[in-house]
Amino acid sequence: MIPKNGGDLLVITKSLKDVMVFYELGITAIAPNSENLFVSDKQLEKLKKYFKNIVVFYDNDIAGVSGMNKIKKSHPELKFIFIPRKYEAKDISDYYKKYGKEKTLKLINDAKTFLCLERDLDHIIEQEVLEQNKK
């Protein structure tokens, strides 16, 4: 559901569970019908009319970062973010459960530090693969 006046921020995430956490925090969020899909180009163009900033916020595992990398190639105008692995939470709902509402709000407010606007997501994937192969 798009607010009448749109807004400053829309988060596109992978799961309804994460959407519910964002709404709890007062942030508009959506998730495609399947974790294997992204919104269509037509839907994305409509969303861009309503929201100043659209952020893709997927899990920090290989699948999530790979998905963001694929989307970034088609939509470089979007912003991309994930939770740094040092927090040992793969998504926003895990982070919220582990750290609570206040720390989750702080993480989101500090998120500009973690934005992957210029970073190469392929490099992040390579690092993740190397880390997992060491285990």
C-alpha atoms as a PDB file:
ATOM      1  CA  MET A   1       0.000   0.000   0.000  1.00  0.00           C
ATOM      2  CA  ILE A   2       1.463   3.325  -1.077  1.00  0.00           C
ATOM      3  CA  PRO A   3       0.829   6.293   1.242  1.00  0.00           C
ATOM      4  CA  LYS A   4      -1.214   9.084  -0.360  1.00  0.00           C
ATOM      5  CA  ASN A   5       1.735  11.460  -0.374  1.00  0.00           C
ATOM      6  CA  GLY A   6       4.410   8.834  -0.901  1.00  0.00           C
ATOM      7  CA  GLY A   7       7.368   9.478   1.296  1.00  0.00           C
ATOM      8  CA  ASP A   8      11.043   9.958   1.655  1.00  0.00           C
ATOM      9  CA  LEU A   9      11.966   6.287   1.976  1.00  0.00           C
ATOM     10  CA  LEU A  10      10.766   2.920   0.722  1.00  0.00           C
ATOM     11  CA  VAL A  11      12.585  -0.282   1.629  1.00  0.00           C
ATOM     12  CA  ILE A  12      12.334  -3.311  -0.637  1.00  0.00           C
ATOM     13  CA  THR A  13      13.192  -6.436   1.288  1.00  0.00           C
ATOM     14  CA  LYS A  14      12.852 -10.167   0.705  1.00  0.00           C
ATOM     15  CA  SER A  15      10.300 -11.278   3.269  1.00  0.00           C
ATOM     16  CA  LEU A  16       7.022 -10.286   4.849  1.00  0.00           C
ATOM     17  CA  LYS A  17       8.629 -10.821   8.255  1.00  0.00           C
ATOM     18  CA  ASP A  18      11.140  -8.046   7.490  1.00  0.00           C
ATOM     19  CA  VAL A  19       8.380  -5.800   6.114  1.00  0.00           C
ATOM     20  CA  MET A  20       6.555  -6.133   9.433  1.00  0.00           C
ATOM     21  CA  VAL A  21       9.679  -5.088  11.369  1.00  0.00           C
ATOM     22  CA  PHE A  22      10.125  -2.006   9.166  1.00  0.00           C
ATOM     23  CA  TYR A  23       6.486  -1.048   9.672  1.00  0.00           C
ATOM     24  CA  GLU A  24       6.935  -1.478  13.428  1.00  0.00           C
ATOM     25  CA  LEU A  25       9.783   1.036  13.117  1.00  0.00           C
ATOM     26  CA  GLY A  26       7.658   3.467  11.099  1.00  0.00           C
ATOM     27  CA  ILE A  27       9.351   2.755   7.760  1.00  0.00           C
ATOM     28  CA  THR A  28       7.396   1.896   4.621  1.00  0.00           C
ATOM     29  CA  ALA A  29       8.545  -1.424   3.205  1.00  0.00           C
ATOM     30  CA  ILE A  30       7.431  -3.965   0.637  1.00  0.00           C
ATOM     31  CA  ALA A  31       8.493  -7.451  -0.398  1.00  0.00           C
ATOM     32  CA  PRO A  32       7.858  -9.153  -3.739  1.00  0.00           C
ATOM     33  CA  ASN A  33       5.626 -12.232  -3.748  1.00  0.00           C
ATOM     34  CA  SER A  34       8.639 -14.524  -3.875  1.00  0.00           C
ATOM     35  CA  GLU A  35      12.205 -14.281  -2.645  1.00  0.00           C
ATOM     36  CA  ASN A  36      13.288 -15.149  -6.193  1.00  0.00           C
ATOM     37  CA  LEU A  37      11.538 -12.134  -7.724  1.00  0.00           C
ATOM     38  CA  PHE A  38      12.057  -8.390  -7.746  1.00  0.00           C
ATOM     39  CA  VAL A  39       9.415  -5.796  -8.512  1.00  0.00           C
ATOM     40  CA  SER A  40       8.736  -5.349 -12.217  1.00  0.00           C
ATOM     41  CA  ASP A  41      10.161  -2.356 -14.068  1.00  0.00           C
ATOM     42  CA  LYS A  42       6.638  -0.964 -14.393  1.00  0.00           C
ATOM     43  CA  GLN A  43       6.030  -1.283 -10.647  1.00  0.00           C
ATOM     44  CA  LEU A  44       9.423   0.245  -9.872  1.00  0.00           C
ATOM     45  CA  GLU A  45       8.742   3.266 -12.083  1.00  0.00           C
ATOM     46  CA  LYS A  46       5.456   3.809 -10.252  1.00  0.00           C
ATOM     47  CA  LEU A  47       7.187   3.540  -6.872  1.00  0.00           C
ATOM     48  CA  LYS A  48       9.824   6.080  -7.953  1.00  0.00           C
ATOM     49  CA  LYS A  49       7.033   8.616  -8.449  1.00  0.00           C
ATOM     50  CA  TYR A  50       5.978   8.241  -4.814  1.00  0.00           C
ATOM     51  CA  PHE A  51       9.291   7.793  -2.976  1.00  0.00           C
ATOM     52  CA  LYS A  52      12.407   9.939  -3.024  1.00  0.00           C
ATOM     53  CA  ASN A  53      14.712   7.110  -1.922  1.00  0.00           C
ATOM     54  CA  ILE A  54      14.280   3.425  -2.626  1.00  0.00           C
ATOM     55  CA  VAL A  55      16.592   1.101  -0.731  1.00  0.00           C
ATOM     56  CA  VAL A  56      17.031  -2.606  -1.420  1.00  0.00           C
ATOM     57  CA  PHE A  57      17.709  -4.256   1.951  1.00  0.00           C
ATOM     58  CA  TYR A  58      18.325  -7.969   1.510  1.00  0.00           C
ATOM     59  CA  ASP A  59      19.943 -10.556   3.766  1.00  0.00           C
ATOM     60  CA  ASN A  60      23.695 -10.433   4.245  1.00  0.00           C
ATOM     61  CA  ASP A  61      24.211 -14.033   3.121  1.00  0.00           C
ATOM     62  CA  ILE A  62      25.543 -15.015  -0.305  1.00  0.00           C
ATOM     63  CA  ALA A  63      22.050 -15.343  -1.800  1.00  0.00           C
ATOM     64  CA  GLY A  64      20.998 -11.911  -0.533  1.00  0.00           C
ATOM     65  CA  VAL A  65      24.140 -10.103  -1.640  1.00  0.00           C
ATOM     66  CA  SER A  66      24.051 -11.914  -5.013  1.00  0.00           C
ATOM     67  CA  GLY A  67      20.447 -10.825  -5.452  1.00  0.00           C
ATOM     68  CA  MET A  68      21.335  -7.218  -4.685  1.00  0.00           C
ATOM     69  CA  ASN A  69      24.240  -7.373  -7.123  1.00  0.00           C
ATOM     70  CA  LYS A  70      21.932  -8.590  -9.891  1.00  0.00           C
ATOM     71  CA  ILE A  71      19.408  -5.838  -9.149  1.00  0.00           C
ATOM     72  CA  LYS A  72      22.162  -3.211  -8.977  1.00  0.00           C
ATOM     73  CA  LYS A  73      23.233  -4.046 -12.527  1.00  0.00           C
ATOM     74  CA  SER A  74      19.715  -3.337 -13.836  1.00  0.00           C
ATOM     75  CA  HIS A  75      18.866  -0.504 -11.437  1.00  0.00           C
ATOM     76  CA  PRO A  76      22.028   1.364 -10.409  1.00  0.00           C
ATOM     77  CA  GLU A  77      19.912   4.334  -9.310  1.00  0.00           C
ATOM     78  CA  LEU A  78      18.664   2.411  -6.265  1.00  0.00           C
ATOM     79  CA  LYS A  79      20.502   2.240  -2.955  1.00  0.00           C
ATOM     80  CA  PHE A  80      21.621  -1.060  -1.492  1.00  0.00           C
ATOM     81  CA  ILE A  81      22.233  -1.999   2.109  1.00  0.00           C
ATOM     82  CA  PHE A  82      22.673  -5.044   4.297  1.00  0.00           C
ATOM     83  CA  ILE A  83      23.518  -5.635   7.943  1.00  0.00           C
ATOM     84  CA  PRO A  84      27.266  -6.024   8.448  1.00  0.00           C
ATOM     85  CA  ARG A  85      28.096  -9.608   9.371  1.00  0.00           C
ATOM     86  CA  LYS A  86      29.814  -8.539  12.591  1.00  0.00           C
ATOM     87  CA  TYR A  87      26.349  -8.188  14.155  1.00  0.00           C
ATOM     88  CA  GLU A  88      25.617 -11.886  13.560  1.00  0.00           C
ATOM     89  CA  ALA A  89      22.129 -11.160  12.237  1.00  0.00           C
ATOM     90  CA  LYS A  90      21.329 -11.995   8.622  1.00  0.00           C
ATOM     91  CA  ASP A  91      18.314  -9.716   8.276  1.00  0.00           C
ATOM     92  CA  ILE A  92      16.474  -6.889  10.012  1.00  0.00           C
ATOM     93  CA  SER A  93      14.099  -9.227  11.856  1.00  0.00           C
ATOM     94  CA  ASP A  94      17.018 -11.205  13.326  1.00  0.00           C
ATOM     95  CA  TYR A  95      18.712  -7.942  14.304  1.00  0.00           C
ATOM     96  CA  TYR A  96      15.534  -6.622  15.939  1.00  0.00           C
ATOM     97  CA  LYS A  97      15.050  -9.865  17.863  1.00  0.00           C
ATOM     98  CA  LYS A  98      18.664  -9.874  19.045  1.00  0.00           C
ATOM     99  CA  TYR A  99      19.183  -6.162  19.807  1.00  0.00           C
ATOM    100  CA  GLY A 100      15.722  -4.649  20.334  1.00  0.00           C
ATOM    101  CA  LYS A 101      13.872  -1.688  18.908  1.00  0.00           C
ATOM    102  CA  GLU A 102      16.164   1.168  19.996  1.00  0.00           C
ATOM    103  CA  LYS A 103      19.360  -0.398  18.633  1.00  0.00           C
ATOM    104  CA  THR A 104      17.555  -1.335  15.421  1.00  0.00           C
ATOM    105  CA  LEU A 105      16.433   2.270  14.952  1.00  0.00           C
ATOM    106  CA  LYS A 106      20.006   3.418  15.593  1.00  0.00           C
ATOM    107  CA  LEU A 107      21.320   0.939  13.018  1.00  0.00           C
ATOM    108  CA  ILE A 108      18.891   2.262  10.446  1.00  0.00           C
ATOM    109  CA  ASN A 109      19.762   5.873  11.250  1.00  0.00           C
ATOM    110  CA  ASP A 110      23.452   5.036  10.907  1.00  0.00           C
ATOM    111  CA  ALA A 111      22.816   3.005   7.742  1.00  0.00           C
ATOM    112  CA  LYS A 112      24.387   5.578   5.445  1.00  0.00           C
ATOM    113  CA  THR A 113      27.722   4.199   6.653  1.00  0.00           C
ATOM    114  CA  PHE A 114      26.831   0.836   5.161  1.00  0.00           C
ATOM    115  CA  LEU A 115      25.263   1.923   1.869  1.00  0.00           C
ATOM    116  CA  CYS A 116      26.694   0.041  -1.072  1.00  0.00           C
ATOM    117  CA  LEU A 117      26.374   2.854  -3.581  1.00  0.00           C
ATOM    118  CA  GLU A 118      29.876   2.681  -4.991  1.00  0.00           C
ATOM    119  CA  ARG A 119      31.073  -0.580  -3.541  1.00  0.00           C
ATOM    120  CA  ASP A 120      31.327  -3.569  -5.787  1.00  0.00           C
ATOM    121  CA  LEU A 121      28.913  -6.208  -4.520  1.00  0.00           C
ATOM    122  CA  ASP A 122      30.801  -8.861  -6.512  1.00  0.00           C
ATOM    123  CA  HIS A 123      33.768  -8.258  -4.199  1.00  0.00           C
ATOM    124  CA  ILE A 124      31.553  -8.752  -1.143  1.00  0.00           C
ATOM    125  CA  ILE A 125      30.247 -12.033  -2.563  1.00  0.00           C
ATOM    126  CA  GLU A 126      33.808 -13.252  -3.182  1.00  0.00           C
ATOM    127  CA  GLN A 127      34.722 -12.423   0.420  1.00  0.00           C
ATOM    128  CA  GLU A 128      31.643 -14.256   1.714  1.00  0.00           C
ATOM    129  CA  VAL A 129      32.489 -17.358  -0.332  1.00  0.00           C
ATOM    130  CA  LEU A 130      36.059 -17.319   0.981  1.00  0.00           C
ATOM    131  CA  GLU A 131      34.824 -16.992   4.581  1.00  0.00           C
ATOM    132  CA  GLN A 132      32.358 -19.846   4.198  1.00  0.00           C
ATOM    133  CA  ASN A 133      34.962 -22.088   2.553  1.00  0.00           C
ATOM    134  CA  LYS A 134      37.273 -21.556   5.541  1.00  0.00           C
ATOM    135  CA  LYS A 135      34.638 -22.978   7.921  1.00  0.00           C
END
